[in-house]
Amino acid sequence: VGRILSAIDVFVLPSLSEAASLTLLEAMASECAIVATRVGGNPELVRDGVDGLLTPRRDAHAMADAISSLLADPELGRKLGASARERVLAKFRQEQTVSRFAELYRELGNSQRVRTGQQHSEVPPCANR
């Protein structure tokens, strides 16, 4: 995937809806100049004008303008791509994500026990339910 992404000038993700796009993270990690729609989790991954360019969904003219601006200004594309890679490495590495989810689950488990008054040993294992 990295070899393919390194060969493109602009990575375009024209989604109408999106969760947290792994393809977008891969493009960011590969320092691609990115144009994506401002839907779902995309704005959480790509900061508009910092790590890539975001456009409204279903706005072909805005998408075309963003693509054209990156093709006309390769230095801007390199700058956005470098920022995107730094962001992925700082915020979205697998180890960090797993650690954050583990902490979130611990917090949720603790808040559930506090709310119900249950102790950890009182919660039956899944196999016994």
C-alpha atoms as a PDB file:
ATOM      1  CA  VAL A   1       0.000   0.000   0.000  1.00  0.00           C
ATOM      2  CA  GLY A   2       2.790   2.419   0.883  1.00  0.00           C
ATOM      3  CA  ARG A   3       4.426   1.971  -2.537  1.00  0.00           C
ATOM      4  CA  ILE A   4       1.156   2.772  -4.291  1.00  0.00           C
ATOM      5  CA  LEU A   5       0.424   5.784  -2.090  1.00  0.00           C
ATOM      6  CA  SER A   6       3.912   7.184  -2.619  1.00  0.00           C
ATOM      7  CA  ALA A   7       3.277   7.211  -6.382  1.00  0.00           C
ATOM      8  CA  ILE A   8       0.190   9.445  -6.315  1.00  0.00           C
ATOM      9  CA  ASP A   9       0.136  13.241  -6.343  1.00  0.00           C
ATOM     10  CA  VAL A  10      -3.127  13.746  -4.409  1.00  0.00           C
ATOM     11  CA  PHE A  11      -5.095  11.259  -2.319  1.00  0.00           C
ATOM     12  CA  VAL A  12      -8.821  11.950  -2.674  1.00  0.00           C
ATOM     13  CA  LEU A  13     -11.506  10.529  -0.375  1.00  0.00           C
ATOM     14  CA  PRO A  14     -14.906  11.794  -1.620  1.00  0.00           C
ATOM     15  CA  SER A  15     -17.015   9.922   0.954  1.00  0.00           C
ATOM     16  CA  LEU A  16     -20.654  10.756   1.569  1.00  0.00           C
ATOM     17  CA  SER A  17     -20.320   9.248   5.048  1.00  0.00           C
ATOM     18  CA  GLU A  18     -17.339   7.830   6.867  1.00  0.00           C
ATOM     19  CA  ALA A  19     -16.322   6.521  10.255  1.00  0.00           C
ATOM     20  CA  ALA A  20     -12.614   6.656  11.047  1.00  0.00           C
ATOM     21  CA  SER A  21     -11.090   5.847   7.675  1.00  0.00           C
ATOM     22  CA  LEU A  22      -8.089   3.531   7.765  1.00  0.00           C
ATOM     23  CA  THR A  23      -7.307   4.424   4.155  1.00  0.00           C
ATOM     24  CA  LEU A  24      -7.132   8.063   5.184  1.00  0.00           C
ATOM     25  CA  LEU A  25      -4.720   7.197   8.019  1.00  0.00           C
ATOM     26  CA  GLU A  26      -2.594   5.176   5.583  1.00  0.00           C
ATOM     27  CA  ALA A  27      -2.478   8.111   3.172  1.00  0.00           C
ATOM     28  CA  MET A  28      -1.526  10.444   6.021  1.00  0.00           C
ATOM     29  CA  ALA A  29       1.244   8.073   7.135  1.00  0.00           C
ATOM     30  CA  SER A  30       2.544   8.024   3.551  1.00  0.00           C
ATOM     31  CA  GLU A  31       2.771  11.849   3.462  1.00  0.00           C
ATOM     32  CA  CYS A  32       0.165  12.154   0.721  1.00  0.00           C
ATOM     33  CA  ALA A  33      -1.429  15.468  -0.099  1.00  0.00           C
ATOM     34  CA  ILE A  34      -5.027  14.820   0.973  1.00  0.00           C
ATOM     35  CA  VAL A  35      -8.414  16.053  -0.150  1.00  0.00           C
ATOM     36  CA  ALA A  36     -11.353  14.538   1.724  1.00  0.00           C
ATOM     37  CA  THR A  37     -14.953  15.351   2.451  1.00  0.00           C
ATOM     38  CA  ARG A  38     -15.855  16.866   5.809  1.00  0.00           C
ATOM     39  CA  VAL A  39     -17.922  13.886   6.992  1.00  0.00           C
ATOM     40  CA  GLY A  40     -17.848  11.451   9.891  1.00  0.00           C
ATOM     41  CA  GLY A  41     -14.438  11.037  11.468  1.00  0.00           C
ATOM     42  CA  ASN A  42     -12.499  12.750   8.673  1.00  0.00           C
ATOM     43  CA  PRO A  43     -12.283  16.142  10.450  1.00  0.00           C
ATOM     44  CA  GLU A  44     -10.949  14.373  13.553  1.00  0.00           C
ATOM     45  CA  LEU A  45      -8.131  12.918  11.466  1.00  0.00           C
ATOM     46  CA  VAL A  46      -7.392  15.734   9.017  1.00  0.00           C
ATOM     47  CA  ARG A  47      -7.239  19.336  10.195  1.00  0.00           C
ATOM     48  CA  ASP A  48      -8.403  21.437   7.255  1.00  0.00           C
ATOM     49  CA  GLY A  49      -5.547  23.491   5.838  1.00  0.00           C
ATOM     50  CA  VAL A  50      -3.030  21.871   8.203  1.00  0.00           C
ATOM     51  CA  ASP A  51      -2.898  18.163   7.287  1.00  0.00           C
ATOM     52  CA  GLY A  52      -4.985  18.253   4.128  1.00  0.00           C
ATOM     53  CA  LEU A  53      -7.986  19.949   2.577  1.00  0.00           C
ATOM     54  CA  LEU A  54     -11.570  19.168   3.576  1.00  0.00           C
ATOM     55  CA  THR A  55     -14.578  19.915   1.383  1.00  0.00           C
ATOM     56  CA  PRO A  56     -18.330  19.669   1.936  1.00  0.00           C
ATOM     57  CA  ARG A  57     -19.853  16.383   0.853  1.00  0.00           C
ATOM     58  CA  ARG A  58     -21.645  16.351  -2.485  1.00  0.00           C
ATOM     59  CA  ASP A  59     -19.799  19.517  -3.556  1.00  0.00           C
ATOM     60  CA  ALA A  60     -17.944  18.470  -6.702  1.00  0.00           C
ATOM     61  CA  HIS A  61     -16.813  22.028  -7.431  1.00  0.00           C
ATOM     62  CA  ALA A  62     -15.183  22.441  -4.005  1.00  0.00           C
ATOM     63  CA  MET A  63     -13.541  19.025  -4.382  1.00  0.00           C
ATOM     64  CA  ALA A  64     -12.227  19.915  -7.855  1.00  0.00           C
ATOM     65  CA  ASP A  65     -10.943  23.272  -6.597  1.00  0.00           C
ATOM     66  CA  ALA A  66      -9.096  21.613  -3.704  1.00  0.00           C
ATOM     67  CA  ILE A  67      -7.520  19.013  -5.991  1.00  0.00           C
ATOM     68  CA  SER A  68      -6.534  21.714  -8.494  1.00  0.00           C
ATOM     69  CA  SER A  69      -4.946  23.848  -5.788  1.00  0.00           C
ATOM     70  CA  LEU A  70      -2.738  20.953  -4.671  1.00  0.00           C
ATOM     71  CA  LEU A  71      -1.760  20.059  -8.222  1.00  0.00           C
ATOM     72  CA  ALA A  72      -0.918  23.706  -8.948  1.00  0.00           C
ATOM     73  CA  ASP A  73       1.108  24.092  -5.740  1.00  0.00           C
ATOM     74  CA  PRO A  74       3.172  20.936  -5.100  1.00  0.00           C
ATOM     75  CA  GLU A  75       4.957  22.659  -2.201  1.00  0.00           C
ATOM     76  CA  LEU A  76       1.624  23.078  -0.399  1.00  0.00           C
ATOM     77  CA  GLY A  77       0.926  19.389  -0.964  1.00  0.00           C
ATOM     78  CA  ARG A  78       4.319  18.443   0.490  1.00  0.00           C
ATOM     79  CA  LYS A  79       3.743  20.684   3.507  1.00  0.00           C
ATOM     80  CA  LEU A  80       0.275  19.245   4.196  1.00  0.00           C
ATOM     81  CA  GLY A  81       1.550  15.695   3.634  1.00  0.00           C
ATOM     82  CA  ALA A  82       4.439  16.162   6.079  1.00  0.00           C
ATOM     83  CA  SER A  83       2.058  17.568   8.684  1.00  0.00           C
ATOM     84  CA  ALA A  84      -0.341  14.662   8.133  1.00  0.00           C
ATOM     85  CA  ARG A  85       2.436  12.127   8.702  1.00  0.00           C
ATOM     86  CA  GLU A  86       3.545  13.882  11.889  1.00  0.00           C
ATOM     87  CA  ARG A  87      -0.066  13.837  13.128  1.00  0.00           C
ATOM     88  CA  VAL A  88      -0.493  10.119  12.457  1.00  0.00           C
ATOM     89  CA  LEU A  89       2.745   9.276  14.223  1.00  0.00           C
ATOM     90  CA  ALA A  90       1.887  11.498  17.192  1.00  0.00           C
ATOM     91  CA  LYS A  91      -1.810  10.677  17.615  1.00  0.00           C
ATOM     92  CA  PHE A  92      -2.843   7.506  15.821  1.00  0.00           C
ATOM     93  CA  ARG A  93      -0.162   4.851  16.252  1.00  0.00           C
ATOM     94  CA  GLN A  94      -1.549   1.399  16.949  1.00  0.00           C
ATOM     95  CA  GLU A  95       0.079   1.161  20.374  1.00  0.00           C
ATOM     96  CA  GLN A  96      -1.363   4.512  21.442  1.00  0.00           C
ATOM     97  CA  THR A  97      -4.817   3.659  20.163  1.00  0.00           C
ATOM     98  CA  VAL A  98      -4.870   0.297  21.942  1.00  0.00           C
ATOM     99  CA  SER A  99      -3.667   1.949  25.142  1.00  0.00           C
ATOM    100  CA  ARG A 100      -6.363   4.658  24.909  1.00  0.00           C
ATOM    101  CA  PHE A 101      -9.101   2.074  24.343  1.00  0.00           C
ATOM    102  CA  ALA A 102      -7.875   0.004  27.285  1.00  0.00           C
ATOM    103  CA  GLU A 103      -7.942   3.096  29.523  1.00  0.00           C
ATOM    104  CA  LEU A 104     -11.416   4.023  28.269  1.00  0.00           C
ATOM    105  CA  TYR A 105     -12.732   0.525  29.027  1.00  0.00           C
ATOM    106  CA  ARG A 106     -11.188   0.664  32.518  1.00  0.00           C
ATOM    107  CA  GLU A 107     -12.839   4.027  33.152  1.00  0.00           C
ATOM    108  CA  LEU A 108     -16.195   2.804  31.870  1.00  0.00           C
ATOM    109  CA  GLY A 109     -15.952  -0.327  33.984  1.00  0.00           C
ATOM    110  CA  ASN A 110     -15.093   1.693  37.089  1.00  0.00           C
ATOM    111  CA  SER A 111     -17.930   4.166  36.531  1.00  0.00           C
ATOM    112  CA  GLN A 112     -20.415   1.304  36.013  1.00  0.00           C
ATOM    113  CA  ARG A 113     -19.338  -0.355  39.273  1.00  0.00           C
ATOM    114  CA  VAL A 114     -19.613   2.948  41.161  1.00  0.00           C
ATOM    115  CA  ARG A 115     -23.085   3.621  39.731  1.00  0.00           C
ATOM    116  CA  THR A 116     -24.412   0.133  40.546  1.00  0.00           C
ATOM    117  CA  GLY A 117     -22.415  -0.359  43.724  1.00  0.00           C
ATOM    118  CA  GLN A 118     -20.966  -3.610  42.391  1.00  0.00           C
ATOM    119  CA  GLN A 119     -17.510  -4.796  43.245  1.00  0.00           C
ATOM    120  CA  HIS A 120     -15.353  -6.297  40.504  1.00  0.00           C
ATOM    121  CA  SER A 121     -15.727  -9.816  41.927  1.00  0.00           C
ATOM    122  CA  GLU A 122     -19.549  -9.511  41.768  1.00  0.00           C
ATOM    123  CA  VAL A 123     -19.557  -9.128  37.980  1.00  0.00           C
ATOM    124  CA  PRO A 124     -20.007 -12.624  36.513  1.00  0.00           C
ATOM    125  CA  PRO A 125     -17.739 -13.673  33.661  1.00  0.00           C
ATOM    126  CA  CYS A 126     -19.288 -13.760  30.198  1.00  0.00           C
ATOM    127  CA  ALA A 127     -19.180 -17.572  30.070  1.00  0.00           C
ATOM    128  CA  ASN A 128     -21.566 -17.813  33.048  1.00  0.00           C
ATOM    129  CA  ARG A 129     -24.252 -15.514  31.627  1.00  0.00           C
END
